[in-house]
Amino acid sequence: MAKSIMVQGTMSNAGKSIIAAGLCRVFRQDGYTVAPFKGQNMALNSFITKEGLEMGRAQVVQAEAAGIEPSVLMNPILLKPTNDTGSQVIVNGEVRGQMSAVEYFAMKKSLLPDVMKAYNTLSAANDVIVIEGAGSPAEINLKNDDVFVNMGMAKNAKSPVLLVGDIDRGGVFAQLYGTVELLDPDERALVKGVVINKFRGDESILTPGIKMLEDLIHIPVVGVVPYMHLDIDDEDSLSERLTNKEAALIDIAVIRVPRLSNFTDFRSLEAVAGVSVRYVENVAGLGNPDLIILPGTKNTMKDLLWMRSNGLEARIKSFAAAGVPVFGICGGYQMLGEHLSDPYGVEEGGEIAGIGLIPVSTVFTQQKTRTRVHGTFGNVEGIFAGLAGKAFEGYEIHMGETESESPVVKVTDSVTGTTRTDGAAAGNVYGCYIHGILDADEVAGTIIRALAAKKGIDPESLGKISGEEHKQQQYDLLAQSLRDHMNMPLIYKILEEGV
C-alpha cells in the first residue's frame, strides 16, 4: 500500500488544495507514482471523468499536477450546495439525492465504506497518496461526525498530517496554536509539521515567532511558503480571480451570479496577456466590455431572477442590441433562451421567461446529464464566424433539456459514442451546454482575435495563447516554490515514518 501524507488547514482557503497539488508535483518529479485524495469535498466547481462520473475540480488540478488521469476515486463524496442549508449529494460520481445538512449528517457515517474503498484502491496502485482535508479539524461541533474528512480520515488512512495556516489574513500563530490545542491528544499526535502559507516580506522577521510556536506546540514548522502569484485553478468562490480587476485591451465580463459554478471555464482567456476577465455582480461593475459571458450556475432560475431584479438582465440585453457579443455556458445558456420550465421542482418549480436573446426553451428534468464530449463548431454566424470547424473537448453537467433549432456545435458523447448537436445562436449571442469549450487554444484564440479585430487592435500585440503549456509551467513553478520554501527532506522523513 502507498505511503500517505495529509494536508489540513486552520480554515477554509488556507491553501490546502494548492499545497497538496504542489506536493503531488514534487513527488511526481522525484519519480514516484502519486495520486490525490479528498474523502469529502464541498464545491460548485466540478468535473466529469472519462467514465461520465462527477468529481470536484480541486482533485482534478492535483491529478494534473501528478501527471495522471482524474478519477472519481480521488473524491468519492462531493457536496454541491443548492441553498444555505442543503446540497446535492454525489457519491462515487453519481447523484445520491438532495439533502438538508441535518439529513446528510444523519447518514454520513454510512458512506465510510465507499470512502475507504476508493482510498484503498488508489493506495494499492500508487507509491504516495496526498490527502487533502476540508475546512478545519478543530470544528469542535462537527468532530463527532468526522469519519473521513480531517482527523477521521487521517486515522483511517494512518496518515501523518501537515497543518497549514494562512498568514495573509493575519493571526497565523493563533490559528496554528489554537487548532493544535483544540485537537484531542491522539489527533495532535498525527500532526507532524505545520506550514505558514501566503507570506509576504522578510522571513527573518518571523523567526522569533516560529521558535516560540514550536516551543508551545512541540511540532516543527516545516515551511514558510510565500504568497505565490500562480495561474492555477482555485477550488471555491473565495478565489482571488473572482475579485474585480481593471479592464485591459480586450475586456471580458463574466456575470458573477450568486450560485456561480465552473468558473474554471474561462482560465484559457484569463491566461492571455492584454486580456482581462472580470467577474461582475452589478450594473456599475459591468463597465463597457467587449464580451459578456453568462457562466454555469447551480440554480439557473433563481440566479436569473437575481439578474432581473438588480438590472443586469436589462443591461445585457442593451449591450446585445448594440452588437456586443454574449456567450452563455450551461446555466448561462439556459438563461439566454426564451422560456424555462421546472415541472418537477428540480430548482424553483413553475415557469419563468428567459432573457430571450436566443430561440431556445429549457425544461428541467429529474435526470442529470453527466458526460464528456468532443466535437466541432458548425456554421457560426456573427462576430465569431471564425469558430466554424474548430475542434474542442469538454463535459456536460446539467439537469435541463433544451430545444434548439439553430445548433452551433456537433458533438460526440465520449461515454456512449452517440453524436448530436448542441447550443444555439442568434446574431452575436451564443450558448451551449459544454464546460471547457473555450479551453482549446484555437477556440480561445479565434474569440480573442475576433474581439481584437472589432476594436482595431493588432492580435500580435496580445500574449500567446497556449493553455496546456501554460498550465504545466504553472505546476512546475508551484513545485519549485515548495522545494525552495519547505523542508522537503523533513517532509520525506515524515512520509516514510508515517504514524
Protein backbone atom coordinates (compact mmCIF):
# COMPACT_ATOMS: atom_id res chain seq x y z
CA MET A 1 0.00 0.00 0.00
CA ALA A 2 1.08 3.59 -0.64
CA LYS A 3 2.71 5.91 1.85
CA SER A 4 0.44 8.86 2.63
CA ILE A 5 0.63 12.42 3.84
CA MET A 6 -2.36 14.62 4.64
CA VAL A 7 -2.66 18.39 4.22
CA GLN A 8 -5.13 20.00 6.63
CA GLY A 9 -5.79 23.70 7.23
CA THR A 10 -6.69 26.03 10.05
CA MET A 11 -9.64 27.30 7.96
CA SER A 12 -11.16 27.17 4.51
CA ASN A 13 -8.95 28.72 1.82
CA ALA A 14 -5.80 28.47 3.91
CA GLY A 15 -4.14 26.97 0.84
CA LYS A 16 -4.62 23.22 1.38
CA SER A 17 -5.54 22.48 -2.22
CA ILE A 18 -2.57 24.31 -3.73
CA ILE A 19 -0.06 22.88 -1.21
CA ALA A 20 -1.42 19.39 -1.92
CA ALA A 21 -1.13 19.99 -5.67
CA GLY A 22 2.44 21.18 -5.23
CA LEU A 23 3.38 18.08 -3.23
CA CYS A 24 1.81 15.90 -5.93
CA ARG A 25 4.05 17.62 -8.50
CA VAL A 26 7.18 17.32 -6.34
CA PHE A 27 6.67 13.60 -5.71
CA ARG A 28 5.95 13.00 -9.39
CA GLN A 29 9.11 14.90 -10.40
CA ASP A 30 11.05 12.74 -7.96
CA GLY A 31 9.93 9.59 -9.74
CA TYR A 32 7.04 8.38 -7.57
CA THR A 33 3.57 7.41 -8.74
CA VAL A 34 1.30 9.71 -6.75
CA ALA A 35 -2.43 10.32 -6.54
CA PRO A 36 -4.50 12.93 -4.68
CA PHE A 37 -7.44 12.10 -2.44
CA LYS A 38 -10.17 14.03 -0.64
CA GLY A 39 -12.87 11.98 1.05
CA GLN A 40 -15.47 14.74 1.01
CA ASN A 41 -15.41 17.94 -1.00
CA MET A 42 -17.96 20.75 -0.93
CA ALA A 43 -17.79 22.87 -4.07
CA LEU A 44 -19.79 24.01 -7.06
CA ASN A 45 -16.78 23.59 -9.35
CA SER A 46 -16.98 20.04 -10.61
CA PHE A 47 -15.65 17.90 -13.45
CA ILE A 48 -16.78 14.86 -15.42
CA THR A 49 -14.36 11.95 -15.78
CA LYS A 50 -13.94 9.89 -18.94
CA GLU A 51 -16.41 7.39 -17.44
CA GLY A 52 -19.05 10.10 -17.08
CA LEU A 53 -18.73 10.45 -13.30
CA GLU A 54 -18.71 13.73 -11.37
CA MET A 55 -15.94 14.86 -9.02
CA GLY A 56 -14.53 18.08 -7.51
CA ARG A 57 -12.19 20.28 -9.55
CA ALA A 58 -9.57 20.51 -6.79
CA GLN A 59 -8.63 16.86 -7.17
CA VAL A 60 -8.60 17.27 -10.97
CA VAL A 61 -5.97 20.00 -10.57
CA GLN A 62 -3.98 17.78 -8.20
CA ALA A 63 -4.24 14.84 -10.62
CA GLU A 64 -2.96 17.06 -13.44
CA ALA A 65 -0.06 18.10 -11.22
CA ALA A 66 0.62 14.41 -10.55
CA GLY A 67 0.53 13.67 -14.28
CA ILE A 68 -2.36 11.19 -14.11
CA GLU A 69 -5.93 10.92 -15.37
CA PRO A 70 -8.54 12.28 -12.91
CA SER A 71 -10.64 9.54 -11.30
CA VAL A 72 -13.71 9.70 -9.12
CA LEU A 73 -11.75 7.52 -6.68
CA MET A 74 -9.89 10.71 -5.76
CA ASN A 75 -13.09 12.38 -4.50
CA PRO A 76 -15.77 9.81 -3.60
CA ILE A 77 -18.12 12.30 -1.86
CA LEU A 78 -18.99 15.64 -3.47
CA LEU A 79 -21.48 18.08 -1.96
CA LYS A 80 -22.84 20.78 -4.26
CA PRO A 81 -24.70 23.44 -2.22
CA THR A 82 -28.07 24.47 -3.62
CA ASN A 83 -29.03 26.81 -0.77
CA ASP A 84 -27.77 27.86 2.68
CA THR A 85 -28.86 24.61 4.35
CA GLY A 86 -28.87 21.91 1.67
CA SER A 87 -26.77 20.26 -1.02
CA GLN A 88 -26.91 17.79 -3.84
CA VAL A 89 -25.04 14.74 -2.56
CA ILE A 90 -22.87 12.90 -5.10
CA VAL A 91 -21.39 9.53 -4.13
CA ASN A 92 -18.84 7.79 -6.33
CA GLY A 93 -19.62 10.27 -9.09
CA GLU A 94 -23.40 9.76 -9.15
CA VAL A 95 -26.19 11.78 -7.60
CA ARG A 96 -27.47 10.19 -4.39
CA GLY A 97 -30.09 12.89 -3.78
CA GLN A 98 -30.85 16.35 -2.46
CA MET A 99 -30.35 16.57 1.30
CA SER A 100 -30.50 19.14 4.05
CA ALA A 101 -27.46 19.44 6.29
CA VAL A 102 -29.32 17.57 9.04
CA GLU A 103 -30.26 14.73 6.69
CA TYR A 104 -26.72 14.42 5.37
CA PHE A 105 -25.12 14.35 8.82
CA ALA A 106 -27.59 11.64 9.86
CA MET A 107 -26.43 9.30 7.07
CA LYS A 108 -22.83 10.47 6.65
CA LYS A 109 -21.18 7.64 8.60
CA SER A 110 -22.83 5.08 6.34
CA LEU A 111 -20.65 6.41 3.50
CA LEU A 112 -17.38 5.43 5.20
CA PRO A 113 -17.12 2.10 3.31
CA ASP A 114 -17.42 3.97 -0.02
CA VAL A 115 -14.69 6.40 1.01
CA MET A 116 -12.28 3.75 2.25
CA LYS A 117 -12.85 1.51 -0.77
CA ALA A 118 -11.88 4.40 -3.03
CA TYR A 119 -8.86 5.27 -0.89
CA ASN A 120 -7.62 1.69 -0.67
CA THR A 121 -7.98 1.21 -4.43
CA LEU A 122 -5.80 4.26 -5.05
CA SER A 123 -3.35 3.23 -2.35
CA ALA A 124 -2.82 -0.20 -3.91
CA ALA A 125 -1.93 1.38 -7.27
CA ASN A 126 0.44 4.18 -6.19
CA ASP A 127 3.58 4.91 -4.21
CA VAL A 128 2.24 8.02 -2.48
CA ILE A 129 -1.23 9.41 -1.70
CA VAL A 130 -1.54 13.12 -0.91
CA ILE A 131 -4.75 13.53 1.11
CA GLU A 132 -6.49 16.88 1.49
CA GLY A 133 -8.67 17.82 4.42
CA ALA A 134 -11.65 20.18 4.42
CA GLY A 135 -12.21 23.34 6.41
CA SER A 136 -10.59 22.96 9.84
CA PRO A 137 -10.01 19.86 12.02
CA ALA A 138 -10.82 21.99 15.08
CA GLU A 139 -14.51 22.49 14.37
CA ILE A 140 -15.44 21.03 17.73
CA ASN A 141 -19.17 20.99 16.92
CA LEU A 142 -18.51 18.67 13.96
CA LYS A 143 -15.76 16.40 15.28
CA ASN A 144 -18.04 13.56 16.29
CA ASP A 145 -19.15 13.20 12.67
CA ASP A 146 -15.64 13.45 11.19
CA VAL A 147 -15.10 9.92 9.91
CA PHE A 148 -13.47 10.73 6.57
CA VAL A 149 -12.85 14.48 6.33
CA ASN A 150 -9.99 15.62 8.57
CA MET A 151 -8.63 13.69 11.56
CA GLY A 152 -11.11 10.87 10.97
CA MET A 153 -9.56 10.32 7.54
CA ALA A 154 -6.03 10.66 8.91
CA LYS A 155 -6.76 7.93 11.46
CA ASN A 156 -8.38 5.62 8.91
CA ALA A 157 -5.51 6.09 6.46
CA LYS A 158 -2.87 6.05 9.22
CA SER A 159 -1.52 9.23 7.70
CA PRO A 160 0.73 11.91 9.16
CA VAL A 161 -0.65 15.44 8.89
CA LEU A 162 0.76 18.79 7.80
CA LEU A 163 -1.28 21.70 9.19
CA VAL A 164 -1.42 24.83 7.01
CA GLY A 165 -2.13 28.33 8.34
CA ASP A 166 -2.82 31.47 6.31
CA ILE A 167 -0.63 34.38 7.44
CA ASP A 168 -2.09 36.72 4.81
CA ARG A 169 -5.32 37.00 6.81
CA GLY A 170 -3.42 37.71 10.00
CA GLY A 171 -3.21 35.82 13.29
CA VAL A 172 -1.40 32.80 11.88
CA PHE A 173 0.26 31.88 15.19
CA ALA A 174 -3.12 31.94 16.94
CA GLN A 175 -4.59 29.89 14.08
CA LEU A 176 -1.96 27.18 14.37
CA TYR A 177 -1.70 27.14 18.17
CA GLY A 178 -5.47 27.24 18.67
CA THR A 179 -6.08 24.47 16.17
CA VAL A 180 -3.49 22.18 17.74
CA GLU A 181 -4.76 22.87 21.27
CA LEU A 182 -8.35 22.04 20.31
CA LEU A 183 -7.33 18.61 19.00
CA ASP A 184 -7.60 15.51 21.14
CA PRO A 185 -4.25 14.01 22.20
CA ASP A 186 -4.44 11.18 19.66
CA GLU A 187 -5.25 13.70 16.92
CA ARG A 188 -2.46 16.03 17.97
CA ALA A 189 -0.02 13.14 17.70
CA LEU A 190 -0.82 12.86 13.99
CA VAL A 191 0.31 16.43 13.25
CA LYS A 192 3.96 16.11 12.26
CA GLY A 193 4.56 19.55 10.82
CA VAL A 194 2.97 22.96 10.35
CA VAL A 195 3.20 25.28 7.36
CA ILE A 196 2.88 29.07 7.32
CA ASN A 197 1.35 29.91 3.95
CA LYS A 198 0.93 33.09 1.84
CA PHE A 199 3.77 35.02 3.48
CA ARG A 200 4.85 38.40 2.11
CA GLY A 201 8.06 40.06 3.29
CA ASP A 202 11.30 39.22 5.07
CA GLU A 203 11.14 35.73 6.55
CA SER A 204 13.73 36.61 9.22
CA ILE A 205 11.09 38.75 10.93
CA LEU A 206 9.10 35.55 11.59
CA THR A 207 11.99 33.65 13.17
CA PRO A 208 11.26 34.57 16.83
CA GLY A 209 7.58 33.73 16.40
CA ILE A 210 8.37 30.40 14.75
CA LYS A 211 10.67 29.45 17.64
CA MET A 212 8.01 30.41 20.21
CA LEU A 213 5.32 28.46 18.32
CA GLU A 214 7.47 25.33 18.10
CA ASP A 215 8.20 25.57 21.84
CA LEU A 216 4.47 25.82 22.57
CA ILE A 217 3.13 23.04 20.34
CA HIS A 218 6.26 20.83 20.07
CA ILE A 219 5.69 20.41 16.32
CA PRO A 220 8.22 21.71 13.77
CA VAL A 221 7.41 24.44 11.26
CA VAL A 222 8.29 22.67 8.02
CA GLY A 223 7.84 25.63 5.70
CA VAL A 224 7.12 29.30 5.24
CA VAL A 225 5.58 29.43 1.78
CA PRO A 226 5.44 32.84 0.08
CA TYR A 227 2.37 34.36 -1.49
CA MET A 228 2.52 32.71 -4.91
CA HIS A 229 1.23 34.57 -7.95
CA LEU A 230 0.40 31.48 -9.98
CA ASP A 231 -2.34 30.83 -12.51
CA ILE A 232 -3.70 27.58 -11.08
CA ASP A 233 -7.39 26.76 -10.64
CA ASP A 234 -8.68 27.54 -7.18
CA GLU A 235 -11.27 25.38 -5.53
CA ASP A 236 -14.05 27.72 -4.49
CA SER A 237 -15.62 31.13 -4.75
CA LEU A 238 -13.08 32.61 -2.33
CA SER A 239 -10.68 32.51 -5.25
CA GLU A 240 -8.88 35.78 -5.90
CA ARG A 241 -9.66 35.55 -9.60
CA LEU A 242 -13.27 36.43 -8.76
CA THR A 243 -12.32 39.85 -7.42
CA ASN A 244 -12.67 42.74 -9.81
CA LYS A 245 -9.68 43.99 -11.75
CA GLU A 246 -9.13 46.76 -14.25
CA ALA A 247 -10.13 46.38 -17.89
CA ALA A 248 -7.31 45.55 -20.32
CA LEU A 249 -7.07 45.97 -24.11
CA ILE A 250 -9.66 43.23 -24.51
CA ASP A 251 -12.18 43.30 -21.67
CA ILE A 252 -14.37 40.28 -20.90
CA ALA A 253 -17.07 40.50 -18.23
CA VAL A 254 -18.32 37.29 -16.58
CA ILE A 255 -21.53 37.72 -14.61
CA ARG A 256 -20.81 36.61 -11.06
CA VAL A 257 -24.16 35.05 -10.24
CA PRO A 258 -24.68 34.04 -6.59
CA ARG A 259 -24.53 30.29 -7.36
CA LEU A 260 -21.67 30.51 -9.86
CA SER A 261 -20.21 27.14 -10.83
CA ASN A 262 -17.30 26.06 -13.01
CA PHE A 263 -15.66 29.47 -13.36
CA THR A 264 -12.62 27.47 -14.48
CA ASP A 265 -14.27 27.54 -17.94
CA PHE A 266 -12.55 30.87 -18.61
CA ARG A 267 -8.97 30.21 -17.50
CA SER A 268 -7.72 29.98 -21.12
CA LEU A 269 -8.95 33.52 -21.72
CA GLU A 270 -7.50 34.77 -18.42
CA ALA A 271 -4.06 33.44 -19.35
CA VAL A 272 -3.65 35.81 -22.32
CA ALA A 273 -1.66 39.00 -21.73
CA GLY A 274 -3.69 42.02 -22.74
CA VAL A 275 -6.99 40.32 -21.89
CA SER A 276 -8.93 40.98 -18.68
CA VAL A 277 -11.59 38.61 -17.38
CA ARG A 278 -13.60 40.49 -14.75
CA TYR A 279 -16.27 38.87 -12.57
CA VAL A 280 -19.04 41.43 -12.03
CA GLU A 281 -22.15 41.34 -9.87
CA ASN A 282 -23.86 44.67 -10.52
CA VAL A 283 -24.59 47.10 -13.32
CA ALA A 284 -21.98 49.59 -12.10
CA GLY A 285 -19.24 46.98 -12.33
CA LEU A 286 -20.16 45.89 -15.83
CA GLY A 287 -18.42 48.82 -17.48
CA ASN A 288 -18.11 48.67 -21.26
CA PRO A 289 -16.99 45.08 -22.01
CA ASP A 290 -16.02 43.62 -25.36
CA LEU A 291 -17.65 40.29 -24.49
CA ILE A 292 -20.18 39.29 -21.82
CA ILE A 293 -20.24 35.71 -20.55
CA LEU A 294 -23.07 34.12 -18.57
CA PRO A 295 -21.47 31.20 -16.69
CA GLY A 296 -22.78 27.99 -15.20
CA THR A 297 -24.89 28.10 -12.06
CA LYS A 298 -26.32 25.58 -9.61
CA ASN A 299 -29.71 27.33 -9.78
CA THR A 300 -30.48 28.87 -13.16
CA MET A 301 -33.94 30.22 -12.34
CA LYS A 302 -33.03 31.84 -9.03
CA ASP A 303 -29.89 33.43 -10.48
CA LEU A 304 -31.83 34.71 -13.50
CA LEU A 305 -34.35 36.33 -11.16
CA TRP A 306 -31.40 37.87 -9.28
CA MET A 307 -30.13 39.38 -12.55
CA ARG A 308 -33.61 40.58 -13.37
CA SER A 309 -34.03 42.33 -10.03
CA ASN A 310 -30.67 44.12 -10.00
CA GLY A 311 -30.81 45.42 -13.57
CA LEU A 312 -28.09 43.21 -15.07
CA GLU A 313 -30.53 41.43 -17.38
CA ALA A 314 -31.75 44.69 -18.91
CA ARG A 315 -28.20 45.97 -19.30
CA ILE A 316 -27.05 42.76 -21.00
CA LYS A 317 -29.96 43.00 -23.44
CA SER A 318 -28.98 46.57 -24.18
CA PHE A 319 -25.38 45.58 -24.89
CA ALA A 320 -26.51 42.69 -27.11
CA ALA A 321 -28.74 45.05 -29.11
CA ALA A 322 -25.68 47.26 -29.66
CA GLY A 323 -23.72 44.34 -31.09
CA VAL A 324 -21.64 43.36 -28.06
CA PRO A 325 -21.27 39.55 -28.18
CA VAL A 326 -22.78 37.49 -25.39
CA PHE A 327 -21.82 33.85 -24.67
CA GLY A 328 -23.71 31.57 -22.26
CA ILE A 329 -22.43 28.24 -20.94
CA CYS A 330 -24.70 25.65 -19.29
CA GLY A 331 -26.95 27.61 -16.91
CA GLY A 332 -25.98 30.80 -18.72
CA TYR A 333 -27.12 29.20 -21.99
CA GLN A 334 -30.45 28.30 -20.40
CA MET A 335 -30.92 31.88 -19.18
CA LEU A 336 -30.36 33.31 -22.66
CA GLY A 337 -33.34 31.37 -24.03
CA GLU A 338 -36.98 32.38 -24.24
CA HIS A 339 -38.57 30.17 -21.58
CA LEU A 340 -37.64 27.98 -18.59
CA SER A 341 -39.98 25.40 -17.07
CA ASP A 342 -39.45 23.34 -13.90
CA PRO A 343 -42.39 20.91 -13.66
CA TYR A 344 -40.69 18.62 -11.11
CA GLY A 345 -39.36 21.28 -8.74
CA VAL A 346 -35.73 20.49 -9.58
CA GLU A 347 -34.83 24.13 -8.96
CA GLU A 348 -37.63 26.54 -8.04
CA GLY A 349 -40.66 24.94 -9.67
CA GLY A 350 -43.02 26.72 -12.04
CA GLU A 351 -42.13 28.66 -15.16
CA ILE A 352 -40.36 31.94 -15.96
CA ALA A 353 -39.41 33.83 -19.08
CA GLY A 354 -35.78 33.73 -20.14
CA ILE A 355 -33.71 36.68 -21.30
CA GLY A 356 -34.95 35.97 -24.81
CA LEU A 357 -31.75 36.53 -26.80
CA ILE A 358 -31.63 33.09 -28.45
CA PRO A 359 -34.56 30.96 -29.72
CA VAL A 360 -34.46 28.05 -27.25
CA SER A 361 -36.60 26.77 -24.37
CA THR A 362 -35.50 24.66 -21.41
CA VAL A 363 -37.38 22.11 -19.31
CA PHE A 364 -35.72 20.93 -16.09
CA THR A 365 -35.82 17.16 -15.76
CA GLN A 366 -35.20 14.79 -12.89
CA GLN A 367 -32.40 13.03 -14.76
CA LYS A 368 -28.97 14.65 -14.63
CA THR A 369 -26.91 14.79 -17.84
CA ARG A 370 -23.34 13.95 -16.92
CA THR A 371 -20.88 13.13 -19.69
CA ARG A 372 -17.74 14.07 -21.61
CA VAL A 373 -17.90 15.19 -25.24
CA HIS A 374 -15.71 16.20 -28.14
CA GLY A 375 -16.75 17.90 -31.34
CA THR A 376 -16.50 20.85 -33.70
CA PHE A 377 -18.29 24.13 -34.28
CA GLY A 378 -20.69 24.18 -37.22
CA ASN A 379 -21.58 27.17 -39.40
CA VAL A 380 -21.29 30.04 -36.94
CA GLU A 381 -22.55 33.48 -37.86
CA GLY A 382 -21.74 36.87 -36.40
CA ILE A 383 -18.50 38.09 -34.87
CA PHE A 384 -17.31 34.57 -34.04
CA ALA A 385 -17.85 33.12 -37.53
CA GLY A 386 -14.19 32.06 -37.48
CA LEU A 387 -15.09 29.33 -34.97
CA ALA A 388 -16.60 27.22 -37.80
CA GLY A 389 -14.82 23.88 -37.96
CA LYS A 390 -12.77 24.45 -34.79
CA ALA A 391 -12.41 21.37 -32.58
CA PHE A 392 -12.91 21.21 -28.81
CA GLU A 393 -13.30 18.84 -25.87
CA GLY A 394 -15.38 19.34 -22.75
CA TYR A 395 -18.02 17.96 -20.43
CA GLU A 396 -21.68 18.44 -19.56
CA ILE A 397 -23.33 18.64 -16.13
CA HIS A 398 -26.94 19.81 -16.18
CA MET A 399 -30.48 18.91 -15.19
CA GLY A 400 -32.28 20.68 -18.06
CA GLU A 401 -33.11 19.67 -21.61
CA THR A 402 -33.04 22.50 -24.14
CA GLU A 403 -34.76 22.51 -27.52
CA SER A 404 -32.85 24.37 -30.23
CA GLU A 405 -33.43 24.86 -33.95
CA SER A 406 -30.14 26.70 -34.51
CA PRO A 407 -27.37 24.48 -33.03
CA VAL A 408 -23.81 25.80 -33.11
CA VAL A 409 -21.80 22.63 -32.43
CA LYS A 410 -21.81 18.95 -33.30
CA VAL A 411 -20.59 16.69 -30.51
CA THR A 412 -19.82 13.04 -29.92
CA ASP A 413 -20.57 11.69 -26.47
CA SER A 414 -17.31 10.16 -25.25
CA VAL A 415 -19.17 7.84 -22.88
CA THR A 416 -21.89 6.47 -25.19
CA GLY A 417 -20.36 7.17 -28.59
CA THR A 418 -23.53 8.83 -29.88
CA THR A 419 -23.42 12.01 -31.98
CA ARG A 420 -25.77 15.00 -31.62
CA THR A 421 -25.95 18.77 -31.85
CA ASP A 422 -25.85 21.32 -29.04
CA GLY A 423 -26.24 25.01 -28.43
CA ALA A 424 -27.86 27.88 -30.27
CA ALA A 425 -27.02 31.29 -31.68
CA ALA A 426 -28.74 34.46 -32.87
CA GLY A 427 -26.63 37.29 -34.24
CA ASN A 428 -23.76 37.85 -31.82
CA VAL A 429 -25.38 35.85 -29.00
CA TYR A 430 -24.21 32.26 -28.50
CA GLY A 431 -24.85 29.49 -26.00
CA CYS A 432 -24.16 25.82 -25.34
CA TYR A 433 -24.04 23.28 -22.52
CA ILE A 434 -20.36 22.37 -22.83
CA HIS A 435 -18.00 23.25 -19.99
CA GLY A 436 -14.44 23.57 -21.25
CA ILE A 437 -15.48 24.55 -24.78
CA LEU A 438 -13.20 27.61 -24.54
CA ASP A 439 -10.15 25.63 -23.36
CA ALA A 440 -8.81 24.70 -26.80
CA ASP A 441 -6.14 27.15 -27.97
CA GLU A 442 -7.79 27.53 -31.38
CA VAL A 443 -11.18 28.33 -29.87
CA ALA A 444 -9.86 30.85 -27.34
CA GLY A 445 -7.54 32.32 -29.97
CA THR A 446 -10.34 32.77 -32.51
CA ILE A 447 -12.50 34.58 -29.95
CA ILE A 448 -9.68 36.87 -28.82
CA ARG A 449 -8.64 37.68 -32.41
CA ALA A 450 -12.23 38.49 -33.38
CA LEU A 451 -12.63 40.85 -30.42
CA ALA A 452 -9.27 42.47 -31.21
CA ALA A 453 -10.22 42.97 -34.88
CA LYS A 454 -13.50 44.63 -33.88
CA LYS A 455 -11.54 47.16 -31.78
CA GLY A 456 -8.81 47.68 -34.38
CA ILE A 457 -6.18 46.03 -32.17
CA ASP A 458 -3.34 44.01 -33.71
CA PRO A 459 -3.77 40.46 -32.30
CA GLU A 460 0.03 40.10 -32.32
CA SER A 461 0.19 42.72 -29.57
CA LEU A 462 -1.58 40.30 -27.24
CA GLY A 463 0.00 37.38 -25.43
CA LYS A 464 0.49 33.87 -26.75
CA ILE A 465 -2.45 31.53 -26.34
CA SER A 466 -1.25 28.08 -25.28
CA GLY A 467 -3.36 26.74 -22.45
CA GLU A 468 -1.77 23.32 -21.83
CA GLU A 469 1.81 24.55 -21.99
CA HIS A 470 0.95 27.43 -19.66
CA LYS A 471 -0.75 25.05 -17.21
CA GLN A 472 2.25 22.71 -16.99
CA GLN A 473 4.61 25.65 -16.47
CA GLN A 474 2.48 26.81 -13.53
CA TYR A 475 2.61 23.37 -11.88
CA ASP A 476 6.40 23.31 -12.24
CA LEU A 477 6.68 26.80 -10.73
CA LEU A 478 4.48 25.66 -7.82
CA ALA A 479 6.67 22.63 -7.19
CA GLN A 480 9.84 24.73 -7.29
CA SER A 481 8.38 27.19 -4.79
CA LEU A 482 7.64 24.35 -2.36
CA ARG A 483 11.16 22.96 -2.82
CA ASP A 484 12.58 26.42 -2.12
CA HIS A 485 10.48 27.19 0.94
CA MET A 486 9.56 23.87 2.56
CA ASN A 487 11.87 21.42 4.29
CA MET A 488 11.43 18.62 1.77
CA PRO A 489 13.97 16.25 3.43
CA LEU A 490 11.94 16.51 6.65
CA ILE A 491 8.68 16.03 4.75
CA TYR A 492 10.09 12.91 3.10
CA LYS A 493 11.11 11.68 6.56
CA ILE A 494 7.56 12.32 7.84
CA LEU A 495 6.19 10.46 4.82
CA GLU A 496 8.48 7.47 5.36
CA GLU A 497 7.94 7.19 9.11
CA GLY A 498 4.16 7.57 8.92
CA VAL A 499 2.34 7.40 12.25
